[in-house]
């Protein structure tokens, strides 16, 4: 049966529904290698401006949590939407993210927000899950495929016919280009990932070939990130590859 994120939310307090198809990855913590110590790749895009967690998470909202978990590198990016209202003021984005965090760490008892990054409709990128934006932090965003991936959540609901702000997609492309470039991955390529959970589209242990820049629905039976944002993925891949300095598709 198709599982999907619910639509038509009317309250910011309910901003946890699109994360229903995620899992809290139970892996041992490993030290993260600073980006400055890794070998530069030929197609390493510039790091975009990223607003730190401190902009949305204060001492009154913060939960005690274990140390971050890390993978060796990020080879794929999954795009999500938060299934929340679109008509917010961008100045309210920190409050929206704080509500997401409260829902996931409260009622769901997760150790942290699941998404590695969140992007608002004005194109502002926020650090999500703790562990350092330069590091390959293991998230909790895509059931079965949290390892060696990064989850980017677009704040809003992007079902069929809903306009996706250009500032938002440009920011997502820049972020994906940078994160994938750290491992030399072409955003237009296909990568091999191993499923860790049979609740995904692939049984546990199955090696799946997925786009390096995927939608949540590529790995899980869901409508997330919404039909409108899903339709943007081909352009996002091309834009991210361009930001990495790669040759456009269809040229020699």
Foldseek 3Di string as FASTA:
>chain_A
DFDAFDADDDDLLPQARRQPQWDQDDDDADDWDFLVPADADLQAFDADDEAELCVQDDPVLDDDADAFHAANAAQAEAEFARNDAQPDDPVCVSVSLSSNQCCCCPPVVHRFRQAQWEAEQQQHIYGGDDDDLRTRTQGTRAAQFSHSYGYYYYYHAAAPPDDRRPSNLLNVLSNLLNRNSSVPHQQAAWDWTAGCPCQWPDHHGDIDTGGRYYYSCVTHSYCTPHPRVRVCSVVSSQSSNVSSVHDGPPDD
